[in-house]
Each structure stands twice: as structure tokens, then as C-alpha cells.
Protein backbone atom coordinates (compact mmCIF):
# COMPACT_ATOMS: atom_id res chain seq x y z
CA MET A 1 -6.96 4.41 19.33
CA THR A 2 -8.08 7.98 20.58
CA ARG A 3 -4.97 8.47 19.54
CA PHE A 4 -5.69 7.93 15.53
CA PRO A 5 -6.69 10.61 14.67
CA GLN A 6 -3.73 12.50 15.30
CA VAL A 7 -1.55 9.83 13.53
CA SER A 8 -0.56 10.58 10.00
CA LEU A 9 1.38 7.86 7.85
CA LEU A 10 3.14 7.58 4.29
CA VAL A 11 2.45 4.87 2.00
CA VAL A 12 4.53 3.95 -0.77
CA GLY A 13 3.68 1.10 -3.14
CA ASP A 14 2.10 -0.34 -6.30
CA LEU A 15 -0.89 1.89 -7.02
CA MET A 16 -4.69 0.33 -8.54
CA ILE A 17 -8.02 0.59 -8.87
CA ASP A 18 -10.18 -2.33 -7.51
CA GLN A 19 -13.37 -3.35 -9.96
CA TYR A 20 -16.28 -5.13 -9.23
CA LEU A 21 -18.81 -6.25 -11.54
CA TRP A 22 -21.71 -7.37 -9.70
CA GLY A 23 -24.49 -9.89 -10.83
CA LYS A 24 -26.25 -13.42 -10.69
CA VAL A 25 -26.11 -16.37 -12.21
CA SER A 26 -29.47 -18.47 -13.60
CA ARG A 27 -27.64 -20.41 -16.01
CA ILE A 28 -24.63 -21.75 -17.39
CA SER A 29 -23.03 -20.79 -20.72
CA PRO A 30 -24.09 -23.23 -23.80
CA GLU A 31 -20.82 -22.26 -25.25
CA ALA A 32 -18.58 -23.49 -22.67
CA PRO A 33 -19.42 -24.59 -18.95
CA VAL A 34 -19.27 -21.39 -16.87
CA PRO A 35 -21.74 -19.78 -15.79
CA VAL A 36 -23.38 -16.41 -17.21
CA VAL A 37 -23.48 -13.62 -14.75
CA ARG A 38 -26.18 -10.98 -15.69
CA LEU A 39 -24.20 -7.73 -14.98
CA GLU A 40 -26.65 -5.57 -12.46
CA ARG A 41 -24.33 -2.64 -11.22
CA GLU A 42 -20.33 -1.46 -11.09
CA SER A 43 -18.26 -0.47 -8.94
CA PHE A 44 -14.74 1.12 -8.38
CA ARG A 45 -12.24 1.60 -5.20
CA MET A 46 -8.67 2.29 -4.36
CA GLY A 47 -6.48 -1.33 -4.32
CA GLY A 48 -2.84 -2.45 -3.72
CA ALA A 49 -1.24 -0.07 -1.84
CA GLY A 50 -4.63 2.68 -2.56
CA ASN A 51 -6.72 -0.01 0.07
CA VAL A 52 -3.64 0.46 2.38
CA VAL A 53 -4.65 4.03 2.14
CA SER A 54 -8.54 3.67 2.14
CA ASN A 55 -8.25 1.68 5.49
CA LEU A 56 -5.82 3.96 7.50
CA VAL A 57 -8.91 6.86 6.32
CA SER A 58 -11.39 4.41 7.55
CA LEU A 59 -9.70 4.30 10.53
CA GLY A 60 -9.43 8.02 11.34
CA ALA A 61 -5.81 8.54 10.42
CA ARG A 62 -4.25 10.68 7.48
CA ALA A 63 -2.19 9.21 4.99
CA ILE A 64 -0.30 10.13 1.93
CA PRO A 65 0.03 7.61 -0.93
CA ALA A 66 3.30 7.66 -2.87
CA GLY A 67 3.62 5.42 -6.31
CA VAL A 68 3.08 5.27 -9.84
CA ARG A 69 -0.08 5.75 -11.91
CA GLY A 70 -0.38 5.59 -15.87
CA ASP A 71 -1.33 8.29 -17.95
CA ASP A 72 -4.59 6.62 -18.62
CA SER A 73 -8.88 6.84 -17.30
CA GLN A 74 -8.02 4.38 -14.73
CA GLY A 75 -5.01 6.82 -13.40
CA GLU A 76 -7.07 9.63 -13.62
CA LEU A 77 -9.54 7.89 -11.14
CA LEU A 78 -7.23 6.42 -8.99
CA GLU A 79 -5.68 10.06 -8.83
CA LYS A 80 -10.20 11.55 -8.48
CA PHE A 81 -10.21 9.09 -5.45
CA CYS A 82 -7.31 10.15 -3.39
CA ARG A 83 -8.65 14.23 -3.95
CA ASP A 84 -12.22 13.56 -2.98
CA SER A 85 -10.92 11.49 0.22
CA GLY A 86 -8.70 14.93 1.25
CA LEU A 87 -5.01 13.09 -0.06
CA ALA A 88 -2.51 14.95 -1.45
CA THR A 89 -1.65 13.90 -4.85
CA GLU A 90 2.06 15.16 -5.27
CA ALA A 91 3.58 11.58 -5.12
CA LEU A 92 1.36 9.93 -7.48
CA ILE A 93 3.81 10.06 -10.55
CA VAL A 94 2.65 9.74 -13.91
CA GLU A 95 4.71 7.19 -16.78
CA ARG A 96 3.49 7.74 -19.97
CA GLY A 97 2.32 5.09 -21.91
CA ARG A 98 2.13 2.86 -18.98
CA PRO A 99 -1.57 1.62 -18.03
CA THR A 100 -2.64 1.88 -14.47
CA THR A 101 -3.00 -1.46 -12.64
CA VAL A 102 -6.83 -2.49 -12.87
CA LYS A 103 -7.82 -5.48 -10.91
CA THR A 104 -11.74 -6.59 -12.36
CA ARG A 105 -13.38 -8.91 -10.43
CA VAL A 106 -16.90 -10.53 -11.00
CA ILE A 107 -19.30 -11.15 -8.51
CA ALA A 108 -22.29 -13.32 -8.27
CA HIS A 109 -24.29 -13.95 -5.22
CA ASN A 110 -21.48 -12.40 -3.12
CA GLN A 111 -18.84 -14.77 -4.41
CA GLN A 112 -16.30 -14.05 -6.58
CA VAL A 113 -16.79 -15.79 -10.33
CA VAL A 114 -13.43 -14.38 -11.85
CA ARG A 115 -10.84 -12.31 -11.53
CA VAL A 116 -9.15 -10.49 -14.52
CA ASP A 117 -6.21 -8.23 -14.18
CA ARG A 118 -4.45 -5.53 -16.82
CA GLU A 119 -0.99 -4.43 -15.92
CA VAL A 120 2.33 -3.91 -16.82
CA ASP A 121 4.64 -5.09 -13.94
CA GLY A 122 7.99 -4.53 -15.55
CA PRO A 123 10.19 -1.91 -13.94
CA ILE A 124 9.71 2.12 -13.89
CA GLU A 125 11.41 4.13 -16.08
CA ALA A 126 14.46 5.43 -14.25
CA SER A 127 13.21 8.84 -14.16
CA VAL A 128 9.80 7.79 -12.74
CA THR A 129 11.72 5.94 -9.93
CA GLN A 130 14.34 9.13 -9.33
CA SER A 131 10.93 11.61 -9.02
CA LEU A 132 9.18 8.90 -6.57
CA ARG A 133 12.07 8.65 -4.62
CA GLU A 134 12.83 11.91 -4.24
CA LYS A 135 9.04 12.96 -3.19
CA SER A 136 8.45 10.09 -0.73
CA THR A 137 12.08 10.62 1.06
CA ARG A 138 10.66 14.69 1.07
CA LEU A 139 7.59 13.56 2.41
CA LEU A 140 8.85 11.26 5.46
CA GLU A 141 8.76 15.39 7.35
CA GLN A 142 5.66 15.38 7.57
CA VAL A 143 4.36 11.96 9.06
CA HIS A 144 4.92 9.55 11.81
CA GLY A 145 5.62 6.41 10.37
CA LEU A 146 6.44 4.66 6.89
CA ILE A 147 4.29 1.69 5.34
CA ILE A 148 5.70 -0.28 1.84
CA SER A 149 3.03 -1.94 0.32
CA ASP A 150 5.29 -3.99 -2.32
CA TYR A 151 2.76 -5.92 -4.87
CA ASP A 152 5.94 -6.84 -7.20
CA LYS A 153 4.45 -4.40 -10.01
CA GLY A 154 7.40 -2.20 -10.53
CA ALA A 155 6.74 0.88 -7.93
CA VAL A 156 8.71 -0.15 -5.09
CA SER A 157 12.58 -0.98 -6.40
CA PRO A 158 15.78 -1.50 -4.56
CA GLU A 159 17.06 2.37 -5.80
CA LEU A 160 13.71 3.77 -3.80
CA LEU A 161 14.59 0.84 -0.73
CA THR A 162 17.99 1.76 -0.01
CA ALA A 163 17.00 5.55 -0.06
CA LEU A 164 13.79 5.74 1.72
CA LEU A 165 14.11 2.89 4.51
CA PRO A 166 17.17 4.15 6.02
CA GLU A 167 16.60 7.56 5.90
CA ALA A 168 12.89 6.53 8.03
CA ALA A 169 15.01 4.57 9.94
CA ARG A 170 17.25 7.72 11.00
CA ARG A 171 13.56 9.41 11.92
CA ARG A 172 13.16 6.87 14.43
CA MET A 173 9.65 6.43 13.09
CA PRO A 174 8.49 2.77 12.39
CA VAL A 175 8.75 1.50 9.18
CA VAL A 176 6.21 -1.28 8.35
CA VAL A 177 6.57 -3.58 5.03
CA ASP A 178 4.18 -6.05 3.08
CA PRO A 179 6.79 -7.78 1.47
CA LYS A 180 7.41 -9.92 -2.17
CA VAL A 181 9.96 -12.41 -1.89
CA ARG A 182 11.77 -10.85 -5.11
CA LEU A 183 14.04 -8.30 -2.91
CA PHE A 184 13.09 -9.61 0.43
CA ARG A 185 17.07 -8.83 1.56
CA TYR A 186 16.58 -5.11 0.61
CA TYR A 187 13.24 -4.60 3.22
CA ARG A 188 16.41 -3.04 5.75
CA PRO A 189 16.13 -1.61 7.96
CA ALA A 190 12.49 -1.82 8.66
CA THR A 191 10.62 -2.05 12.53
CA VAL A 192 8.57 -5.32 11.05
CA VAL A 193 7.82 -6.69 7.89
CA THR A 194 4.60 -8.74 7.44
CA PRO A 195 4.76 -12.13 4.98
CA ASN A 196 1.99 -14.23 4.68
CA ALA A 197 2.87 -18.01 5.37
CA ARG A 198 3.71 -18.61 1.32
CA GLU A 199 6.06 -16.16 1.24
CA ALA A 200 8.16 -16.47 4.24
CA MET A 201 8.39 -20.31 3.09
CA GLU A 202 9.31 -18.95 -0.60
CA ALA A 203 11.42 -16.02 1.61
CA ALA A 204 13.36 -18.62 3.68
CA GLY A 205 14.21 -21.43 1.54
CA THR A 206 12.28 -24.17 3.07
CA MET A 207 8.80 -25.52 4.35
CA ALA A 208 6.90 -25.61 7.22
CA ARG A 209 3.29 -27.13 7.72
CA THR A 210 3.88 -27.08 12.20
CA ASP A 211 4.07 -23.83 14.35
CA GLN A 212 7.80 -25.36 15.51
CA GLU A 213 8.64 -25.04 11.55
CA PHE A 214 7.02 -21.62 11.36
CA GLU A 215 9.36 -20.44 13.91
CA GLY A 216 12.46 -21.66 12.92
CA ILE A 217 11.09 -19.70 9.62
CA ALA A 218 10.79 -16.52 11.17
CA HIS A 219 13.98 -16.88 13.08
CA ARG A 220 15.29 -17.41 9.49
CA LEU A 221 13.95 -14.44 8.06
CA LEU A 222 14.93 -12.83 11.30
CA GLU A 223 18.56 -12.80 10.50
CA ILE A 224 17.87 -12.36 6.62
CA LEU A 225 16.13 -9.09 7.30
CA GLY A 226 18.19 -7.36 10.16
CA SER A 227 14.92 -6.32 11.38
CA SER A 228 13.48 -6.25 15.08
CA SER A 229 10.22 -8.32 14.39
CA LEU A 230 8.38 -10.48 11.98
CA LEU A 231 5.06 -10.73 12.06
CA ILE A 232 3.82 -13.53 9.78
CA THR A 233 0.09 -13.83 8.28
CA ARG A 234 -1.16 -17.38 7.89
CA GLY A 235 -4.97 -17.02 7.23
CA ASP A 236 -7.46 -19.32 9.38
CA ARG A 237 -4.51 -20.08 11.59
CA GLY A 238 -3.72 -16.81 12.86
CA MET A 239 -0.31 -15.16 12.84
CA LEU A 240 2.86 -15.65 14.36
CA LEU A 241 4.45 -12.61 15.85
CA GLN A 242 8.38 -13.41 16.01
CA GLU A 243 9.84 -10.48 17.84
CA LYS A 244 14.32 -10.56 17.84
CA ALA A 245 13.82 -10.86 21.89
CA GLY A 246 11.64 -13.04 23.22
CA PRO A 247 9.70 -16.22 22.29
CA PRO A 248 7.30 -16.30 19.11
CA ILE A 249 4.04 -15.68 19.84
CA LEU A 250 0.79 -17.53 18.04
CA ILE A 251 -2.16 -14.97 17.48
CA PRO A 252 -5.37 -17.29 16.68
CA ALA A 253 -8.01 -15.99 14.08
CA THR A 254 -10.75 -13.67 15.33
CA ALA A 255 -12.73 -14.33 12.18
CA GLN A 256 -16.66 -16.21 12.84
CA GLU A 257 -17.36 -16.40 9.15
CA VAL A 258 -14.86 -15.52 6.13
CA PHE A 259 -16.77 -14.22 2.94
CA ASP A 260 -13.75 -12.77 1.15
CA VAL A 261 -10.00 -12.49 1.85
CA THR A 262 -9.22 -9.64 -0.60
CA GLY A 263 -7.45 -7.09 0.52
CA ALA A 264 -7.04 -8.62 4.42
CA GLY A 265 -3.20 -8.31 4.32
CA ASP A 266 -3.62 -4.75 2.86
CA THR A 267 -5.73 -4.35 6.50
CA VAL A 268 -3.52 -6.14 8.37
CA VAL A 269 -0.05 -3.78 7.53
CA ALA A 270 -2.30 -0.53 7.95
CA THR A 271 -3.53 -1.08 11.45
CA LEU A 272 -0.41 -2.49 12.49
CA ALA A 273 1.69 0.32 11.57
CA LEU A 274 -1.06 3.29 12.61
CA ALA A 275 -1.15 0.85 16.29
CA LEU A 276 2.87 1.63 16.49
CA SER A 277 2.74 4.69 15.07
CA ALA A 278 0.17 5.70 18.16
CA GLY A 279 2.63 4.13 20.37
CA ALA A 280 1.49 0.76 20.71
CA THR A 281 3.82 -2.13 21.62
CA MET A 282 4.47 -4.64 19.15
CA GLN A 283 2.18 -6.97 20.75
CA GLU A 284 -0.23 -4.65 20.74
CA ALA A 285 -0.55 -3.67 17.38
CA ALA A 286 -0.50 -7.53 16.00
CA LEU A 287 -3.15 -7.82 18.08
CA LEU A 288 -5.27 -5.21 16.87
CA ALA A 289 -4.27 -6.20 12.90
CA ASN A 290 -5.33 -9.52 13.72
CA SER A 291 -8.61 -8.48 15.22
CA ALA A 292 -8.85 -5.88 12.34
CA ALA A 293 -8.31 -8.77 9.68
CA GLY A 294 -11.30 -10.79 11.30
CA VAL A 295 -13.69 -8.40 10.67
CA VAL A 296 -12.87 -7.05 6.53
CA VAL A 297 -12.50 -10.91 5.70
CA GLY A 298 -16.33 -11.07 6.80
CA LYS A 299 -16.71 -8.55 4.46
CA VAL A 300 -16.78 -9.20 0.52
CA GLY A 301 -14.81 -7.58 -1.73
CA THR A 302 -11.57 -5.31 -1.16
CA ALA A 303 -12.57 -4.41 2.07
CA THR A 304 -11.78 -1.14 4.66
CA LEU A 305 -13.04 -1.50 8.52
CA THR A 306 -13.61 1.88 10.95
CA ALA A 307 -12.13 2.35 14.20
CA GLU A 308 -15.61 1.40 16.08
CA GLU A 309 -16.16 -1.86 14.12
CA LEU A 310 -12.18 -2.29 15.35
CA LEU A 311 -12.87 -1.32 19.32
CA GLY A 312 -15.99 -3.30 18.81
CA SER A 313 -13.97 -6.69 18.12
CA VAL A 314 -11.71 -6.42 20.27
CA LYS A 315 -10.94 -5.04 23.81
CA ALA A 316 -8.48 -2.82 23.15
CA PRO A 317 -5.90 -0.79 24.66
CA ASP A 318 -5.58 3.19 25.40
CA ILE A 319 -3.51 4.09 21.82
């Protein structure tokens, strides 16, 4: 992990704002059988692909965000978060008339009560997609690795992927993809793709319950993707790493106590890409990512971790 500060990564994907309304519940509403939350405070942070960026920065790396924001106050807040963190904002493309995605979570007594999403998840305008594609491709010159963080909100498109991924592969940099099923066949070439269990089953078109059945799904998805590795995240059942050459590796979950799984996938993909870009093997990177996830699920809300927390959670290789 000593090499993390020397690593720079480009994060391309769906940028959003996570809003938190924190309060307490002392009674049930007389109007409906729902809790009444007395609001105590409000907080905001970057979400979606922005949370991947926040995790990289917290781990000591350099990150460049690339995505689409609305021409609204939330989009301005997103850009302010980036500037305040010393991040380049040249690849934050504004689409006029499109709202910035905002996920509002109401938290009472450290538990999520309800989530409200404000978003438009249709296709991005062609001119905006072109601008995002051109700026992202140019930014590959400045980084050691690429992360695609697809939340299926429109920023990640076939046009973007077919231009960006081959160029990253030509530069021989690690490419880590946090996927959505809709574009699964376009995530190529990539170093590793990280679906969760539900996404993996949906993409493969079959159900799985046992480790052996998930191993079959992993082989099937590697054929579809043509990537060298697949990492299936399985919640409290840990992870399954399948490389093109070699047997599957089952990685047990490390969390001692789970408070909130929000953003855990972002932490996994950030840690995985950072470790690979710093020179780790795929197995070493997967073990680090698994340990990182075990740390953040013990926190409430969209969380990040520091390199010190990661080091304290695992006897990490010297990368």
C-alpha cells in the first residue's frame, strides 16, 4: 500500500449526490402506519461513481472523475465537492435540462428508514456522450488505470465503452468494471468485471445457490466478456474470484458486524483497481478489496476507508 499515493485512476460513470437526513423516531404517525422521524441534521456526499472517487482519495490515491451532471444546484454541489478535494473537473459534462441524480436516505437511530431517488435514467444526449468519450479518452494519458462505474443512469453507453476500453487496453493499464446487466456484452476488453450475485445470475441467464453453481456462472461470464478475471461479490458469503487460467478462489467475508452495505461495491472496485494499478496480483487485489468491504459495511451510510484502516484489517502485501 506504500505505492498508493503514486497511483492515479480515471473513474468514468454515473456521478450522483447522496443526501442524508438524520433523525430519531419516537412515535408512529396517526395518518399512516409509518414512523415519524424528527429531523436533527442533513449531510451530503458524492455518490455512485463519485463514491468510487472518494474511496480512492481516502486511500491516498489520485483520481479523475468523468461523467455527466445536471445544470442544477446539485450538479454545482457535485462539482464543488470535486474542487474542494483537489480533483480535476474538466470531464464533468453538463447536460442542460437533465437533473443531477440525487439519492435521499432518511436515517433514524443509525438505520435507513426509506430512500427517495430523484433521477432521469434515459440516454444521454449524443453531443454530451461524444464530449464525455473524447475527454475520457484523452485523460487516459494521465492515469495508471481505468474504472468504469455503471449505475445504469445513462452516462455509460456502448459508444463510450467501445471507444474507451480498447484504448485503455492498448495502453496496457488495468481496467476494472462495476457492471450493470444491460451493457454486459460491451464491457470488453477489461481486466476484471465485478458483478454482484444477482447481476451475475441475470447476465448468465441462470440461477445459482451453491458455490459450484456460481463457479459455472463465472466460467460462462468469462466466455461472454473475454476478460481475464471475474470477481463475483456475494454479500455475507464473501467473493468468488475466477481467473481465466486456474481454479476458482472463494474468499470469505471478513465483516464482524454489518451496519450498512450502502456503497460497499464502490469500495470493492476502488480498492481492487488501486491495488492492481500499484502492482498487486489479481488474488492480492481481491483479498484487499474483500477486507476493505468488511471495513465499510461496519459504518453507517455511504462510507470510505483510509489506508490505515485497510492495513489494520488485513496483513496486506507490500504494494
